[in-house]
Amino acid sequence: MRKSDPFEILWKRCLRDALVELNPQVFQEKLRIAKEAIDMRLVELESNANSDPFETAQLVDGLNTLYALGFLKERELARKVAFPTESESARKDNCCRGNDLQTI
């Protein structure tokens, strides 16, 4: 059985709250909060050597849901964070070994 993480629960709750909101003004704010929570969790998982691929897939599915419904337009940026290209992965590996001081 998987141990529950409070951050994992937070992003899921934010996403669910946004998707069921009927008031258009409140929806936009909840949508912004949900995307921010997902992005923050993706960055957190990316920085963790033992990140959970299952949760990463869930996060990407959550973002893809928002894109598929037409609520978000920045699809390439999110895909880049969740699935870095081979050159970005190599840069990250070099940076983690101290070979590169560039910000990733």
C-alpha atoms as a PDB file:
ATOM      1  CA  MET A   1       0.000   0.000   0.000  1.00  0.00           C
ATOM      2  CA  ARG A   2       1.268   3.465  -0.911  1.00  0.00           C
ATOM      3  CA  LYS A   3       2.004   5.992   1.813  1.00  0.00           C
ATOM      4  CA  SER A   4      -0.048   9.160   1.384  1.00  0.00           C
ATOM      5  CA  ASP A   5       1.898  12.403   0.950  1.00  0.00           C
ATOM      6  CA  PRO A   6       0.209  15.708   1.952  1.00  0.00           C
ATOM      7  CA  PHE A   7       1.497  17.445  -1.204  1.00  0.00           C
ATOM      8  CA  GLU A   8       0.091  14.693  -3.393  1.00  0.00           C
ATOM      9  CA  ILE A   9      -3.263  15.112  -1.710  1.00  0.00           C
ATOM     10  CA  LEU A  10      -3.104  18.910  -2.070  1.00  0.00           C
ATOM     11  CA  TRP A  11      -2.653  18.968  -5.833  1.00  0.00           C
ATOM     12  CA  LYS A  12      -5.393  16.388  -6.348  1.00  0.00           C
ATOM     13  CA  ARG A  13      -7.817  18.328  -4.155  1.00  0.00           C
ATOM     14  CA  CYS A  14      -7.005  21.598  -5.979  1.00  0.00           C
ATOM     15  CA  LEU A  15      -7.541  19.960  -9.370  1.00  0.00           C
ATOM     16  CA  ARG A  16     -10.838  18.393  -8.318  1.00  0.00           C
ATOM     17  CA  ASP A  17     -12.070  21.683  -6.826  1.00  0.00           C
ATOM     18  CA  ALA A  18     -11.298  23.510 -10.067  1.00  0.00           C
ATOM     19  CA  LEU A  19     -12.986  20.915 -12.274  1.00  0.00           C
ATOM     20  CA  VAL A  20     -16.270  20.975 -10.342  1.00  0.00           C
ATOM     21  CA  GLU A  21     -16.486  24.772  -9.883  1.00  0.00           C
ATOM     22  CA  LEU A  22     -19.504  26.290 -11.661  1.00  0.00           C
ATOM     23  CA  ASN A  23     -18.894  30.007 -11.017  1.00  0.00           C
ATOM     24  CA  PRO A  24     -16.707  31.280 -13.924  1.00  0.00           C
ATOM     25  CA  GLN A  25     -14.829  33.861 -11.832  1.00  0.00           C
ATOM     26  CA  VAL A  26     -14.094  31.417  -9.024  1.00  0.00           C
ATOM     27  CA  PHE A  27     -13.230  28.732 -11.588  1.00  0.00           C
ATOM     28  CA  GLN A  28     -10.405  30.830 -13.075  1.00  0.00           C
ATOM     29  CA  GLU A  29      -8.822  31.329  -9.660  1.00  0.00           C
ATOM     30  CA  LYS A  30      -9.175  27.649  -8.740  1.00  0.00           C
ATOM     31  CA  LEU A  31      -7.731  26.678 -12.117  1.00  0.00           C
ATOM     32  CA  ARG A  32      -4.688  28.887 -11.497  1.00  0.00           C
ATOM     33  CA  ILE A  33      -4.232  27.381  -8.032  1.00  0.00           C
ATOM     34  CA  ALA A  34      -4.561  23.808  -9.351  1.00  0.00           C
ATOM     35  CA  LYS A  35      -1.994  24.361 -12.105  1.00  0.00           C
ATOM     36  CA  GLU A  36       0.372  25.988  -9.624  1.00  0.00           C
ATOM     37  CA  ALA A  37       0.006  23.055  -7.204  1.00  0.00           C
ATOM     38  CA  ILE A  38       0.682  20.550  -9.996  1.00  0.00           C
ATOM     39  CA  ASP A  39       3.691  22.504 -11.256  1.00  0.00           C
ATOM     40  CA  MET A  40       5.136  22.784  -7.753  1.00  0.00           C
ATOM     41  CA  ARG A  41       4.737  19.056  -7.161  1.00  0.00           C
ATOM     42  CA  LEU A  42       6.343  18.225 -10.520  1.00  0.00           C
ATOM     43  CA  VAL A  43       9.353  20.377  -9.640  1.00  0.00           C
ATOM     44  CA  GLU A  44       9.541  18.754  -6.213  1.00  0.00           C
ATOM     45  CA  LEU A  45       9.457  15.253  -7.693  1.00  0.00           C
ATOM     46  CA  GLU A  46      11.999  16.211 -10.349  1.00  0.00           C
ATOM     47  CA  SER A  47      14.455  17.276  -7.643  1.00  0.00           C
ATOM     48  CA  ASN A  48      13.994  14.026  -5.703  1.00  0.00           C
ATOM     49  CA  ALA A  49      16.324  11.179  -6.696  1.00  0.00           C
ATOM     50  CA  ASN A  50      13.677   8.614  -5.669  1.00  0.00           C
ATOM     51  CA  SER A  51      10.688  10.303  -7.299  1.00  0.00           C
ATOM     52  CA  ASP A  52       7.526   8.285  -7.814  1.00  0.00           C
ATOM     53  CA  PRO A  53       6.912   7.626 -11.545  1.00  0.00           C
ATOM     54  CA  PHE A  54       3.284   6.731 -10.795  1.00  0.00           C
ATOM     55  CA  GLU A  55       2.612  10.110  -9.189  1.00  0.00           C
ATOM     56  CA  THR A  56       4.470  11.887 -11.997  1.00  0.00           C
ATOM     57  CA  ALA A  57       2.177  10.151 -14.485  1.00  0.00           C
ATOM     58  CA  GLN A  58      -0.855  11.230 -12.434  1.00  0.00           C
ATOM     59  CA  LEU A  59       0.369  14.840 -12.431  1.00  0.00           C
ATOM     60  CA  VAL A  60       0.859  14.802 -16.196  1.00  0.00           C
ATOM     61  CA  ASP A  61      -2.608  13.248 -16.609  1.00  0.00           C
ATOM     62  CA  GLY A  62      -4.049  16.070 -14.496  1.00  0.00           C
ATOM     63  CA  LEU A  63      -2.381  18.699 -16.685  1.00  0.00           C
ATOM     64  CA  ASN A  64      -3.422  16.886 -19.862  1.00  0.00           C
ATOM     65  CA  THR A  65      -7.012  16.897 -18.609  1.00  0.00           C
ATOM     66  CA  LEU A  66      -6.890  20.678 -18.252  1.00  0.00           C
ATOM     67  CA  TYR A  67      -5.349  21.052 -21.724  1.00  0.00           C
ATOM     68  CA  ALA A  68      -7.813  18.636 -23.341  1.00  0.00           C
ATOM     69  CA  LEU A  69     -10.728  20.585 -21.881  1.00  0.00           C
ATOM     70  CA  GLY A  70      -9.220  23.793 -23.286  1.00  0.00           C
ATOM     71  CA  PHE A  71      -8.589  25.425 -19.924  1.00  0.00           C
ATOM     72  CA  LEU A  72      -4.817  25.768 -20.378  1.00  0.00           C
ATOM     73  CA  LYS A  73      -2.738  26.701 -23.414  1.00  0.00           C
ATOM     74  CA  GLU A  74       0.897  26.260 -22.249  1.00  0.00           C
ATOM     75  CA  ARG A  75       1.131  22.565 -23.098  1.00  0.00           C
ATOM     76  CA  GLU A  76       4.756  22.537 -24.271  1.00  0.00           C
ATOM     77  CA  LEU A  77       6.036  24.123 -21.061  1.00  0.00           C
ATOM     78  CA  ALA A  78       4.361  21.519 -18.843  1.00  0.00           C
ATOM     79  CA  ARG A  79       5.545  18.626 -20.996  1.00  0.00           C
ATOM     80  CA  LYS A  80       9.095  19.986 -20.784  1.00  0.00           C
ATOM     81  CA  VAL A  81       8.942  20.027 -16.971  1.00  0.00           C
ATOM     82  CA  ALA A  82       7.451  16.544 -16.674  1.00  0.00           C
ATOM     83  CA  PHE A  83       9.492  14.903 -19.418  1.00  0.00           C
ATOM     84  CA  PRO A  84      12.757  16.781 -20.077  1.00  0.00           C
ATOM     85  CA  THR A  85      14.499  16.158 -23.364  1.00  0.00           C
ATOM     86  CA  GLU A  86      17.622  14.021 -23.446  1.00  0.00           C
ATOM     87  CA  SER A  87      19.900  17.082 -23.518  1.00  0.00           C
ATOM     88  CA  GLU A  88      18.067  18.653 -20.555  1.00  0.00           C
ATOM     89  CA  SER A  89      18.396  15.400 -18.600  1.00  0.00           C
ATOM     90  CA  ALA A  90      22.114  15.293 -19.330  1.00  0.00           C
ATOM     91  CA  ARG A  91      22.491  18.917 -18.200  1.00  0.00           C
ATOM     92  CA  LYS A  92      20.628  18.119 -14.997  1.00  0.00           C
ATOM     93  CA  ASP A  93      22.845  15.089 -14.361  1.00  0.00           C
ATOM     94  CA  ASN A  94      25.969  17.184 -14.928  1.00  0.00           C
ATOM     95  CA  CYS A  95      24.690  19.894 -12.634  1.00  0.00           C
ATOM     96  CA  CYS A  96      23.895  17.409  -9.892  1.00  0.00           C
ATOM     97  CA  ARG A  97      27.468  16.090 -10.115  1.00  0.00           C
ATOM     98  CA  GLY A  98      28.838  19.629  -9.849  1.00  0.00           C
ATOM     99  CA  ASN A  99      30.058  19.646 -13.484  1.00  0.00           C
ATOM    100  CA  ASP A 100      27.796  22.517 -14.470  1.00  0.00           C
ATOM    101  CA  LEU A 101      26.733  25.489 -12.399  1.00  0.00           C
ATOM    102  CA  GLN A 102      24.017  26.570 -14.821  1.00  0.00           C
ATOM    103  CA  THR A 103      20.498  26.969 -13.491  1.00  0.00           C
ATOM    104  CA  ILE A 104      18.201  24.324 -14.878  1.00  0.00           C
END
